Amino acid sequence: MSDSLQRLKESLLAAPIIWKGDYPYFIHPLTDGVPRLDPSVLTAVVELIEAAIDWDSVDLILGIEAMGLPLTSPLSMRNNRPQVVVRKRSYGLEGELAIDQSTGYSKGSMYLNDIQEGERILIVDDVLSTGGTLDAIIKGVESLGAIIESVIVVVEKGPGLQQLQEKYPHIQISSIVRLDMDGGKVVLLGEVI
């Protein structure tokens, strides 16, 4: 196991757990913005993503508000690729596309801006559970005529990733680690990359 992967795993195992009703919920700086993010963990995740991507096939990095920002910004800088963020509010820019997303946790509109027809897109997400958000984003990006080359998720939790892989076999969709909750404890199921 690489040092980068080991750092990420250790940080996930050390994540605080809170209970929302009968549901245990892990709190991690890459998925929630709290507690503070150790720069070595962010560096580790960026290195893992970089190694998994064919950068010659990527024109644009697409992150998802809000936790996509700390992931996509260093990738953009280190690989000299522009980035854009799927936002939760409209800016009314020319070509803006509203997409409706629904997850097990929330429902609402998100907005795609500045995605050009024929552009080859890398989508980076922090965590995927039900897949509702990514499904809506994939549909939206494809409706704009862009090509999704890869989707990479840091943490896979639940059936959403496998369902998206089955629904979109033409897109490389992967995660770095898979986990589940066992009571008040994070259980790592394995790395995918």
N, C-alpha and C. Protein backbone atom coordinates (compact mmCIF):
# COMPACT_ATOMS: atom_id res chain seq x y z
N MET A 1 0.85 -1.18 0.00
CA MET A 1 0.00 0.00 0.00
C MET A 1 0.90 1.24 0.00
N SER A 2 0.53 2.21 -0.83
CA SER A 2 1.33 3.43 -0.92
C SER A 2 1.17 4.27 0.36
N ASP A 3 2.18 5.11 0.59
CA ASP A 3 2.11 6.03 1.74
C ASP A 3 0.89 6.95 1.64
N SER A 4 0.58 7.40 0.41
CA SER A 4 -0.56 8.29 0.21
C SER A 4 -1.86 7.61 0.60
N LEU A 5 -2.03 6.38 0.16
CA LEU A 5 -3.25 5.64 0.50
C LEU A 5 -3.32 5.37 1.99
N GLN A 6 -2.20 5.04 2.60
CA GLN A 6 -2.17 4.80 4.03
C GLN A 6 -2.57 6.05 4.81
N ARG A 7 -2.08 7.22 4.40
CA ARG A 7 -2.44 8.47 5.07
C ARG A 7 -3.95 8.72 5.00
N LEU A 8 -4.53 8.51 3.80
CA LEU A 8 -5.97 8.71 3.65
C LEU A 8 -6.74 7.73 4.53
N LYS A 9 -6.36 6.48 4.52
CA LYS A 9 -7.07 5.48 5.33
C LYS A 9 -7.01 5.81 6.82
N GLU A 10 -5.82 6.17 7.29
CA GLU A 10 -5.68 6.51 8.70
C GLU A 10 -6.56 7.69 9.08
N SER A 11 -6.65 8.68 8.19
CA SER A 11 -7.48 9.85 8.49
C SER A 11 -8.96 9.47 8.53
N LEU A 12 -9.39 8.55 7.68
CA LEU A 12 -10.78 8.11 7.70
C LEU A 12 -11.10 7.31 8.95
N LEU A 13 -10.18 6.45 9.36
CA LEU A 13 -10.40 5.66 10.57
C LEU A 13 -10.43 6.54 11.82
N ALA A 14 -9.76 7.68 11.78
CA ALA A 14 -9.73 8.60 12.93
C ALA A 14 -10.87 9.62 12.89
N ALA A 15 -11.71 9.55 11.87
CA ALA A 15 -12.79 10.55 11.71
C ALA A 15 -13.78 10.46 12.87
N PRO A 16 -14.19 11.62 13.41
CA PRO A 16 -15.23 11.61 14.44
C PRO A 16 -16.56 11.10 13.86
N ILE A 17 -17.35 10.50 14.70
CA ILE A 17 -18.66 9.98 14.30
C ILE A 17 -19.72 10.73 15.09
N ILE A 18 -20.76 11.17 14.38
CA ILE A 18 -21.92 11.74 15.06
C ILE A 18 -23.13 10.91 14.66
N TRP A 19 -24.15 11.01 15.46
CA TRP A 19 -25.39 10.27 15.16
C TRP A 19 -26.45 11.26 14.73
N LYS A 20 -27.09 10.98 13.61
CA LYS A 20 -28.24 11.75 13.15
C LYS A 20 -29.42 10.80 13.22
N GLY A 21 -30.15 10.88 14.33
CA GLY A 21 -31.19 9.89 14.60
C GLY A 21 -30.53 8.55 14.83
N ASP A 22 -30.93 7.54 14.06
CA ASP A 22 -30.37 6.20 14.18
C ASP A 22 -29.21 5.96 13.22
N TYR A 23 -28.74 7.03 12.54
CA TYR A 23 -27.75 6.88 11.49
C TYR A 23 -26.40 7.42 11.93
N PRO A 24 -25.35 6.57 11.94
CA PRO A 24 -24.01 7.08 12.26
C PRO A 24 -23.41 7.77 11.02
N TYR A 25 -22.79 8.92 11.25
CA TYR A 25 -22.29 9.74 10.15
C TYR A 25 -20.85 10.12 10.46
N PHE A 26 -19.93 9.77 9.56
CA PHE A 26 -18.53 10.13 9.80
C PHE A 26 -18.29 11.56 9.32
N ILE A 27 -17.47 12.29 10.06
CA ILE A 27 -17.14 13.68 9.75
C ILE A 27 -15.66 13.72 9.36
N HIS A 28 -15.39 14.13 8.13
CA HIS A 28 -14.01 14.15 7.64
C HIS A 28 -13.76 15.48 6.93
N PRO A 29 -12.58 16.05 7.06
CA PRO A 29 -12.33 17.35 6.45
C PRO A 29 -12.46 17.37 4.93
N LEU A 30 -12.25 16.25 4.26
CA LEU A 30 -12.41 16.24 2.80
C LEU A 30 -13.87 16.13 2.37
N THR A 31 -14.73 15.64 3.26
CA THR A 31 -16.14 15.49 2.90
C THR A 31 -17.04 16.52 3.58
N ASP A 32 -16.54 17.13 4.64
CA ASP A 32 -17.38 18.05 5.41
C ASP A 32 -16.73 19.41 5.70
N GLY A 33 -15.44 19.52 5.49
CA GLY A 33 -14.75 20.78 5.77
C GLY A 33 -14.36 20.95 7.22
N VAL A 34 -14.70 20.00 8.07
CA VAL A 34 -14.31 19.98 9.47
C VAL A 34 -14.03 18.54 9.87
N PRO A 35 -13.24 18.25 10.88
CA PRO A 35 -12.33 19.19 11.52
C PRO A 35 -11.25 19.64 10.53
N ARG A 36 -10.25 20.33 11.01
CA ARG A 36 -9.23 20.91 10.12
C ARG A 36 -8.59 19.84 9.25
N LEU A 37 -8.24 20.25 8.04
CA LEU A 37 -7.65 19.35 7.06
C LEU A 37 -6.12 19.39 7.17
N ASP A 38 -5.54 18.24 7.44
CA ASP A 38 -4.08 18.10 7.46
C ASP A 38 -3.60 18.17 6.01
N PRO A 39 -2.69 19.09 5.69
CA PRO A 39 -2.25 19.23 4.31
C PRO A 39 -1.64 17.95 3.74
N SER A 40 -1.08 17.09 4.60
CA SER A 40 -0.51 15.84 4.08
C SER A 40 -1.60 14.90 3.58
N VAL A 41 -2.79 14.97 4.16
CA VAL A 41 -3.91 14.14 3.68
C VAL A 41 -4.39 14.68 2.33
N LEU A 42 -4.52 16.00 2.20
CA LEU A 42 -4.92 16.57 0.92
C LEU A 42 -3.88 16.24 -0.16
N THR A 43 -2.61 16.38 0.17
CA THR A 43 -1.55 16.04 -0.78
C THR A 43 -1.66 14.57 -1.19
N ALA A 44 -1.91 13.70 -0.23
CA ALA A 44 -2.03 12.27 -0.52
C ALA A 44 -3.17 12.00 -1.49
N VAL A 45 -4.32 12.63 -1.27
CA VAL A 45 -5.48 12.42 -2.14
C VAL A 45 -5.20 12.97 -3.54
N VAL A 46 -4.61 14.14 -3.61
CA VAL A 46 -4.28 14.72 -4.92
C VAL A 46 -3.32 13.80 -5.67
N GLU A 47 -2.32 13.26 -4.99
CA GLU A 47 -1.38 12.33 -5.63
C GLU A 47 -2.09 11.07 -6.13
N LEU A 48 -3.01 10.54 -5.33
CA LEU A 48 -3.74 9.34 -5.74
C LEU A 48 -4.61 9.60 -6.96
N ILE A 49 -5.27 10.76 -6.99
CA ILE A 49 -6.10 11.11 -8.16
C ILE A 49 -5.21 11.30 -9.38
N GLU A 50 -4.13 12.04 -9.22
CA GLU A 50 -3.22 12.30 -10.35
C GLU A 50 -2.74 11.01 -10.99
N ALA A 51 -2.38 10.04 -10.16
CA ALA A 51 -1.85 8.78 -10.67
C ALA A 51 -2.91 7.96 -11.41
N ALA A 52 -4.18 8.20 -11.12
CA ALA A 52 -5.25 7.40 -11.71
C ALA A 52 -5.78 7.98 -13.03
N ILE A 53 -5.34 9.17 -13.39
CA ILE A 53 -5.92 9.88 -14.54
C ILE A 53 -4.94 9.97 -15.70
N ASP A 54 -5.45 9.79 -16.92
CA ASP A 54 -4.68 10.05 -18.14
C ASP A 54 -4.89 11.53 -18.46
N TRP A 55 -3.94 12.36 -18.05
CA TRP A 55 -4.10 13.81 -18.16
C TRP A 55 -4.11 14.31 -19.60
N ASP A 56 -3.60 13.52 -20.54
CA ASP A 56 -3.65 13.92 -21.94
C ASP A 56 -5.08 13.88 -22.49
N SER A 57 -5.99 13.21 -21.76
CA SER A 57 -7.37 13.13 -22.22
C SER A 57 -8.31 14.06 -21.46
N VAL A 58 -7.76 15.00 -20.70
CA VAL A 58 -8.58 15.91 -19.88
C VAL A 58 -8.37 17.36 -20.33
N ASP A 59 -9.47 18.03 -20.67
CA ASP A 59 -9.43 19.46 -21.00
C ASP A 59 -9.88 20.34 -19.83
N LEU A 60 -10.76 19.80 -18.98
CA LEU A 60 -11.39 20.59 -17.92
C LEU A 60 -11.66 19.70 -16.72
N ILE A 61 -11.39 20.24 -15.52
CA ILE A 61 -11.71 19.54 -14.27
C ILE A 61 -12.98 20.16 -13.71
N LEU A 62 -13.95 19.31 -13.39
CA LEU A 62 -15.24 19.75 -12.86
C LEU A 62 -15.35 19.27 -11.42
N GLY A 63 -15.48 20.21 -10.49
CA GLY A 63 -15.69 19.89 -9.09
C GLY A 63 -17.11 20.22 -8.70
N ILE A 64 -17.51 19.73 -7.55
CA ILE A 64 -18.89 19.91 -7.08
C ILE A 64 -18.84 20.68 -5.77
N GLU A 65 -19.61 21.78 -5.72
CA GLU A 65 -19.67 22.61 -4.52
C GLU A 65 -20.12 21.75 -3.34
N ALA A 66 -19.55 21.90 -2.22
CA ALA A 66 -18.49 22.80 -1.82
C ALA A 66 -17.18 22.05 -1.69
N MET A 67 -17.21 20.79 -1.34
CA MET A 67 -15.98 20.09 -1.01
C MET A 67 -15.16 19.68 -2.23
N GLY A 68 -15.70 19.88 -3.43
CA GLY A 68 -14.91 19.66 -4.63
C GLY A 68 -13.82 20.70 -4.80
N LEU A 69 -13.99 21.87 -4.19
CA LEU A 69 -13.01 22.95 -4.35
C LEU A 69 -11.62 22.61 -3.83
N PRO A 70 -11.47 22.10 -2.59
CA PRO A 70 -10.11 21.80 -2.15
C PRO A 70 -9.47 20.66 -2.94
N LEU A 71 -10.27 19.85 -3.61
CA LEU A 71 -9.72 18.75 -4.41
C LEU A 71 -9.34 19.21 -5.81
N THR A 72 -10.19 20.02 -6.44
CA THR A 72 -9.93 20.39 -7.84
C THR A 72 -8.90 21.50 -7.98
N SER A 73 -8.80 22.38 -7.03
CA SER A 73 -7.84 23.49 -7.16
C SER A 73 -6.40 23.01 -7.26
N PRO A 74 -5.92 22.14 -6.36
CA PRO A 74 -4.53 21.69 -6.53
C PRO A 74 -4.35 20.84 -7.79
N LEU A 75 -5.36 20.07 -8.19
CA LEU A 75 -5.26 19.29 -9.42
C LEU A 75 -5.13 20.21 -10.62
N SER A 76 -5.91 21.28 -10.62
CA SER A 76 -5.85 22.25 -11.71
C SER A 76 -4.46 22.87 -11.80
N MET A 77 -3.93 23.32 -10.68
CA MET A 77 -2.63 23.97 -10.66
C MET A 77 -1.50 23.02 -11.05
N ARG A 78 -1.54 21.81 -10.51
CA ARG A 78 -0.44 20.87 -10.74
C ARG A 78 -0.44 20.27 -12.14
N ASN A 79 -1.62 20.24 -12.79
CA ASN A 79 -1.72 19.60 -14.10
C ASN A 79 -2.07 20.57 -15.22
N ASN A 80 -2.06 21.86 -14.90
CA ASN A 80 -2.29 22.92 -15.88
C ASN A 80 -3.59 22.71 -16.68
N ARG A 81 -4.66 22.43 -15.94
CA ARG A 81 -5.97 22.27 -16.55
C ARG A 81 -6.93 23.24 -15.85
N PRO A 82 -7.79 23.91 -16.61
CA PRO A 82 -8.77 24.79 -15.96
C PRO A 82 -9.78 23.98 -15.16
N GLN A 83 -10.41 24.66 -14.23
CA GLN A 83 -11.44 24.01 -13.42
C GLN A 83 -12.70 24.86 -13.42
N VAL A 84 -13.81 24.20 -13.19
CA VAL A 84 -15.09 24.88 -13.01
C VAL A 84 -15.84 24.10 -11.93
N VAL A 85 -16.74 24.78 -11.25
CA VAL A 85 -17.44 24.18 -10.12
C VAL A 85 -18.94 24.15 -10.39
N VAL A 86 -19.55 23.01 -10.15
CA VAL A 86 -21.01 22.91 -10.17
C VAL A 86 -21.49 23.65 -8.93
N ARG A 87 -22.34 24.65 -9.13
CA ARG A 87 -22.77 25.51 -8.03
C ARG A 87 -24.20 25.22 -7.61
N LYS A 88 -24.52 25.59 -6.39
CA LYS A 88 -25.87 25.40 -5.86
C LYS A 88 -26.73 26.64 -6.04
N ARG A 89 -26.18 27.65 -6.73
CA ARG A 89 -26.99 28.83 -7.02
C ARG A 89 -26.74 29.27 -8.45
N SER A 90 -27.72 29.94 -8.99
CA SER A 90 -27.64 30.41 -10.36
C SER A 90 -26.90 31.74 -10.44
N TYR A 91 -26.12 31.89 -11.51
CA TYR A 91 -25.47 33.15 -11.80
C TYR A 91 -26.06 33.82 -13.02
N GLY A 92 -26.87 33.08 -13.78
CA GLY A 92 -27.51 33.65 -14.95
C GLY A 92 -26.57 33.91 -16.11
N LEU A 93 -25.42 33.26 -16.12
CA LEU A 93 -24.48 33.44 -17.22
C LEU A 93 -25.02 32.78 -18.49
N GLU A 94 -24.58 33.27 -19.63
CA GLU A 94 -24.99 32.69 -20.89
C GLU A 94 -24.54 31.22 -20.93
N GLY A 95 -25.46 30.35 -21.30
CA GLY A 95 -25.16 28.93 -21.40
C GLY A 95 -25.31 28.16 -20.10
N GLU A 96 -25.70 28.84 -19.01
CA GLU A 96 -25.87 28.15 -17.73
C GLU A 96 -26.95 27.09 -17.85
N LEU A 97 -26.71 25.92 -17.26
CA LEU A 97 -27.68 24.84 -17.29
C LEU A 97 -28.07 24.48 -15.86
N ALA A 98 -29.37 24.54 -15.58
CA ALA A 98 -29.89 24.12 -14.28
C ALA A 98 -30.15 22.62 -14.34
N ILE A 99 -29.70 21.92 -13.31
CA ILE A 99 -29.97 20.49 -13.21
C ILE A 99 -30.61 20.21 -11.86
N ASP A 100 -31.53 19.29 -11.84
CA ASP A 100 -32.18 18.90 -10.59
C ASP A 100 -31.50 17.65 -10.07
N GLN A 101 -31.12 17.69 -8.80
CA GLN A 101 -30.47 16.53 -8.20
C GLN A 101 -31.23 16.12 -6.96
N SER A 102 -31.21 14.82 -6.71
CA SER A 102 -31.88 14.27 -5.55
C SER A 102 -31.01 13.17 -4.97
N THR A 103 -30.74 13.24 -3.68
CA THR A 103 -29.95 12.21 -3.02
C THR A 103 -30.77 11.69 -1.85
N GLY A 104 -30.17 10.80 -1.10
CA GLY A 104 -30.82 10.33 0.12
C GLY A 104 -30.84 11.40 1.19
N TYR A 105 -30.08 12.49 0.97
CA TYR A 105 -29.94 13.52 1.99
C TYR A 105 -30.58 14.85 1.62
N SER A 106 -30.67 15.12 0.32
CA SER A 106 -31.16 16.44 -0.08
C SER A 106 -31.74 16.40 -1.49
N LYS A 107 -32.39 17.50 -1.83
CA LYS A 107 -32.97 17.65 -3.16
C LYS A 107 -32.89 19.12 -3.51
N GLY A 108 -32.59 19.42 -4.77
CA GLY A 108 -32.52 20.82 -5.17
C GLY A 108 -31.90 20.98 -6.54
N SER A 109 -31.71 22.22 -6.92
CA SER A 109 -31.12 22.53 -8.22
C SER A 109 -29.63 22.84 -8.06
N MET A 110 -28.89 22.49 -9.11
CA MET A 110 -27.48 22.84 -9.21
C MET A 110 -27.29 23.43 -10.60
N TYR A 111 -26.16 24.14 -10.79
CA TYR A 111 -25.98 24.89 -12.04
C TYR A 111 -24.61 24.62 -12.64
N LEU A 112 -24.61 24.29 -13.93
CA LEU A 112 -23.39 24.09 -14.69
C LEU A 112 -23.13 25.33 -15.51
N ASN A 113 -21.89 25.80 -15.50
CA ASN A 113 -21.49 26.97 -16.28
C ASN A 113 -20.16 26.69 -16.97
N ASP A 114 -20.00 27.31 -18.15
CA ASP A 114 -18.73 27.34 -18.88
C ASP A 114 -18.19 25.96 -19.24
N ILE A 115 -19.08 25.09 -19.69
CA ILE A 115 -18.70 23.78 -20.22
C ILE A 115 -19.00 23.81 -21.71
N GLN A 116 -17.98 23.52 -22.50
CA GLN A 116 -18.10 23.65 -23.95
C GLN A 116 -18.33 22.29 -24.62
N GLU A 117 -19.05 22.31 -25.72
CA GLU A 117 -19.28 21.11 -26.51
C GLU A 117 -17.93 20.53 -26.93
N GLY A 118 -17.79 19.22 -26.78
CA GLY A 118 -16.58 18.52 -27.19
C GLY A 118 -15.47 18.51 -26.15
N GLU A 119 -15.58 19.32 -25.10
CA GLU A 119 -14.55 19.32 -24.05
C GLU A 119 -14.53 17.97 -23.34
N ARG A 120 -13.33 17.53 -23.00
CA ARG A 120 -13.15 16.26 -22.28
C ARG A 120 -13.02 16.58 -20.79
N ILE A 121 -13.93 16.02 -20.01
CA ILE A 121 -14.13 16.42 -18.62
C ILE A 121 -13.68 15.33 -17.65
N LEU A 122 -13.00 15.75 -16.59
CA LEU A 122 -12.75 14.93 -15.42
C LEU A 122 -13.64 15.48 -14.31
N ILE A 123 -14.50 14.65 -13.75
CA ILE A 123 -15.33 15.04 -12.61
C ILE A 123 -14.70 14.48 -11.35
N VAL A 124 -14.50 15.34 -10.35
CA VAL A 124 -13.93 14.94 -9.07
C VAL A 124 -14.97 15.22 -7.98
N ASP A 125 -15.23 14.20 -7.15
CA ASP A 125 -16.19 14.35 -6.06
C ASP A 125 -15.58 13.81 -4.78
N ASP A 126 -16.03 14.32 -3.66
CA ASP A 126 -15.47 13.91 -2.37
C ASP A 126 -16.04 12.58 -1.89
N VAL A 127 -17.36 12.43 -1.91
CA VAL A 127 -17.98 11.20 -1.40
C VAL A 127 -19.21 10.88 -2.25
N LEU A 128 -19.45 9.61 -2.44
CA LEU A 128 -20.61 9.18 -3.21
C LEU A 128 -21.34 8.11 -2.41
N SER A 129 -22.62 8.34 -2.16
CA SER A 129 -23.45 7.37 -1.45
C SER A 129 -24.53 6.84 -2.38
N THR A 130 -25.55 7.64 -2.62
CA THR A 130 -26.66 7.18 -3.46
C THR A 130 -26.39 7.38 -4.94
N GLY A 131 -25.54 8.35 -5.28
CA GLY A 131 -25.24 8.62 -6.68
C GLY A 131 -26.17 9.63 -7.33
N GLY A 132 -27.13 10.15 -6.60
CA GLY A 132 -28.11 11.07 -7.18
C GLY A 132 -27.50 12.35 -7.73
N THR A 133 -26.58 12.94 -7.01
CA THR A 133 -25.95 14.18 -7.47
C THR A 133 -25.12 13.92 -8.73
N LEU A 134 -24.27 12.90 -8.69
CA LEU A 134 -23.43 12.61 -9.86
C LEU A 134 -24.26 12.22 -11.08
N ASP A 135 -25.33 11.49 -10.87
CA ASP A 135 -26.19 11.11 -12.00
C ASP A 135 -26.73 12.36 -12.69
N ALA A 136 -27.22 13.31 -11.92
CA ALA A 136 -27.74 14.55 -12.49
C ALA A 136 -26.65 15.34 -13.20
N ILE A 137 -25.46 15.38 -12.63
CA ILE A 137 -24.35 16.12 -13.24
C ILE A 137 -23.91 15.45 -14.54
N ILE A 138 -23.80 14.14 -14.55
CA ILE A 138 -23.42 13.42 -15.77
C ILE A 138 -24.42 13.71 -16.89
N LYS A 139 -25.70 13.61 -16.58
CA LYS A 139 -26.73 13.92 -17.59
C LYS A 139 -26.60 15.35 -18.10
N GLY A 140 -26.38 16.28 -17.18
CA GLY A 140 -26.25 17.68 -17.57
C GLY A 140 -25.05 17.95 -18.45
N VAL A 141 -23.90 17.41 -18.06
CA VAL A 141 -22.67 17.61 -18.84
C VAL A 141 -22.83 17.01 -20.23
N GLU A 142 -23.38 15.80 -20.30
CA GLU A 142 -23.57 15.16 -21.61
C GLU A 142 -24.58 15.91 -22.46
N SER A 143 -25.60 16.52 -21.85
CA SER A 143 -26.59 17.28 -22.62
C SER A 143 -25.96 18.53 -23.25
N LEU A 144 -24.85 19.00 -22.68
CA LEU A 144 -24.13 20.15 -23.22
C LEU A 144 -23.17 19.75 -24.34
N GLY A 145 -23.06 18.46 -24.60
CA GLY A 145 -22.19 17.97 -25.67
C GLY A 145 -20.75 17.76 -25.26
N ALA A 146 -20.45 17.85 -23.96
CA ALA A 146 -19.10 17.58 -23.48
C ALA A 146 -18.95 16.07 -23.28
N ILE A 147 -17.71 15.63 -23.18
CA ILE A 147 -17.39 14.21 -23.05
C ILE A 147 -16.80 13.98 -21.67
N ILE A 148 -17.43 13.13 -20.89
CA ILE A 148 -16.90 12.81 -19.57
C ILE A 148 -15.92 11.66 -19.73
N GLU A 149 -14.65 11.97 -19.54
CA GLU A 149 -13.59 10.96 -19.66
C GLU A 149 -13.51 10.09 -18.41
N SER A 150 -13.59 10.73 -17.24
CA SER A 150 -13.44 10.01 -15.97
C SER A 150 -14.23 10.72 -14.88
N VAL A 151 -14.69 9.92 -13.94
CA VAL A 151 -15.26 10.42 -12.68
C VAL A 151 -14.47 9.72 -11.59
N ILE A 152 -13.91 10.49 -10.68
CA ILE A 152 -13.20 9.89 -9.56
C ILE A 152 -13.74 10.45 -8.26
N VAL A 153 -14.04 9.56 -7.35
CA VAL A 153 -14.62 9.89 -6.05
C VAL A 153 -13.62 9.46 -4.98
N VAL A 154 -13.40 10.29 -3.99
CA VAL A 154 -12.46 9.93 -2.94
C VAL A 154 -13.02 8.80 -2.09
N VAL A 155 -14.25 8.96 -1.59
CA VAL A 155 -14.84 7.97 -0.68
C VAL A 155 -16.13 7.42 -1.29
N GLU A 156 -16.18 6.12 -1.45
CA GLU A 156 -17.38 5.43 -1.92
C GLU A 156 -18.06 4.78 -0.72
N LYS A 157 -19.34 5.11 -0.55
CA LYS A 157 -20.10 4.59 0.58
C LYS A 157 -21.49 4.25 0.06
N GLY A 158 -21.86 3.00 0.05
CA GLY A 158 -23.18 2.64 -0.45
C GLY A 158 -23.14 2.17 -1.89
N PRO A 159 -24.32 1.94 -2.46
CA PRO A 159 -24.42 1.32 -3.79
C PRO A 159 -24.33 2.27 -4.98
N GLY A 160 -24.23 3.57 -4.75
CA GLY A 160 -24.34 4.55 -5.82
C GLY A 160 -23.31 4.41 -6.92
N LEU A 161 -22.05 4.15 -6.56
CA LEU A 161 -21.00 4.09 -7.58
C LEU A 161 -21.24 2.92 -8.53
N GLN A 162 -21.55 1.77 -7.98
CA GLN A 162 -21.80 0.59 -8.84
C GLN A 162 -23.01 0.84 -9.75
N GLN A 163 -24.04 1.47 -9.23
CA GLN A 163 -25.22 1.76 -10.05
C GLN A 163 -24.88 2.71 -11.19
N LEU A 164 -24.03 3.71 -10.92
CA LEU A 164 -23.63 4.64 -11.98
C LEU A 164 -22.74 3.94 -13.01
N GLN A 165 -21.87 3.04 -12.56
CA GLN A 165 -21.04 2.28 -13.51
C GLN A 165 -21.91 1.46 -14.45
N GLU A 166 -22.97 0.88 -13.94
CA GLU A 166 -23.88 0.09 -14.77
C GLU A 166 -24.68 0.98 -15.72
N LYS A 167 -25.07 2.14 -15.25
CA LYS A 167 -25.87 3.06 -16.06
C LYS A 167 -25.05 3.75 -17.14
N TYR A 168 -23.76 4.02 -16.85
CA TYR A 168 -22.89 4.74 -17.78
C TYR A 168 -21.62 3.91 -18.07
N PRO A 169 -21.76 2.80 -18.77
CA PRO A 169 -20.58 1.95 -19.01
C PRO A 169 -19.52 2.61 -19.89
N HIS A 170 -19.87 3.69 -20.57
CA HIS A 170 -18.91 4.39 -21.44
C HIS A 170 -18.03 5.37 -20.67
N ILE A 171 -18.26 5.52 -19.37
CA ILE A 171 -17.48 6.45 -18.55
C ILE A 171 -16.70 5.66 -17.51
N GLN A 172 -15.43 6.01 -17.34
CA GLN A 172 -14.63 5.40 -16.28
C GLN A 172 -15.01 6.08 -14.96
N ILE A 173 -15.70 5.34 -14.09
CA ILE A 173 -16.15 5.86 -12.79
C ILE A 173 -15.48 5.01 -11.72
N SER A 174 -14.70 5.67 -10.84
CA SER A 174 -13.97 4.92 -9.83
C SER A 174 -13.88 5.70 -8.52
N SER A 175 -13.42 5.00 -7.50
CA SER A 175 -13.20 5.64 -6.19
C SER A 175 -11.83 5.25 -5.68
N ILE A 176 -11.38 5.98 -4.66
CA ILE A 176 -10.10 5.65 -4.05
C ILE A 176 -10.28 4.62 -2.95
N VAL A 177 -11.24 4.86 -2.06
CA VAL A 177 -11.53 3.90 -0.99
C VAL A 177 -13.04 3.69 -0.87
N ARG A 178 -13.38 2.49 -0.38
CA ARG A 178 -14.77 2.18 -0.07
C ARG A 178 -14.87 2.00 1.43
N LEU A 179 -15.97 2.49 1.99
CA LEU A 179 -16.16 2.30 3.42
C LEU A 179 -17.63 2.09 3.73
N ASP A 180 -17.85 1.64 4.95
CA ASP A 180 -19.19 1.45 5.47
C ASP A 180 -19.14 1.85 6.94
N MET A 181 -20.29 2.03 7.51
CA MET A 181 -20.38 2.33 8.93
C MET A 181 -20.88 1.08 9.65
N ASP A 182 -20.21 0.74 10.74
CA ASP A 182 -20.63 -0.37 11.59
C ASP A 182 -20.86 0.22 12.97
N GLY A 183 -22.11 0.57 13.22
CA GLY A 183 -22.41 1.28 14.46
C GLY A 183 -21.68 2.61 14.45
N GLY A 184 -20.91 2.88 15.48
CA GLY A 184 -20.18 4.14 15.58
C GLY A 184 -18.76 4.03 15.09
N LYS A 185 -18.52 3.21 14.08
CA LYS A 185 -17.16 2.97 13.62
C LYS A 185 -17.11 2.95 12.08
N VAL A 186 -16.03 3.55 11.53
CA VAL A 186 -15.77 3.50 10.10
C VAL A 186 -15.09 2.17 9.80
N VAL A 187 -15.60 1.45 8.79
CA VAL A 187 -14.99 0.20 8.36
C VAL A 187 -14.54 0.37 6.92
N LEU A 188 -13.24 0.23 6.67
CA LEU A 188 -12.71 0.34 5.32
C LEU A 188 -12.89 -1.00 4.62
N LEU A 189 -13.51 -0.94 3.43
CA LEU A 189 -13.79 -2.15 2.67
C LEU A 189 -12.73 -2.43 1.62
N GLY A 190 -11.87 -1.47 1.37
CA GLY A 190 -10.81 -1.67 0.40
C GLY A 190 -10.65 -0.48 -0.50
N GLU A 191 -9.47 -0.42 -1.10
CA GLU A 191 -9.24 0.64 -2.06
C GLU A 191 -9.58 0.12 -3.44
N VAL A 192 -10.04 1.01 -4.27
CA VAL A 192 -10.45 0.64 -5.63
C VAL A 192 -9.34 0.97 -6.62
N ILE A 193 -8.63 2.05 -6.39
CA ILE A 193 -7.55 2.46 -7.31
C ILE A 193 -6.37 1.54 -7.11
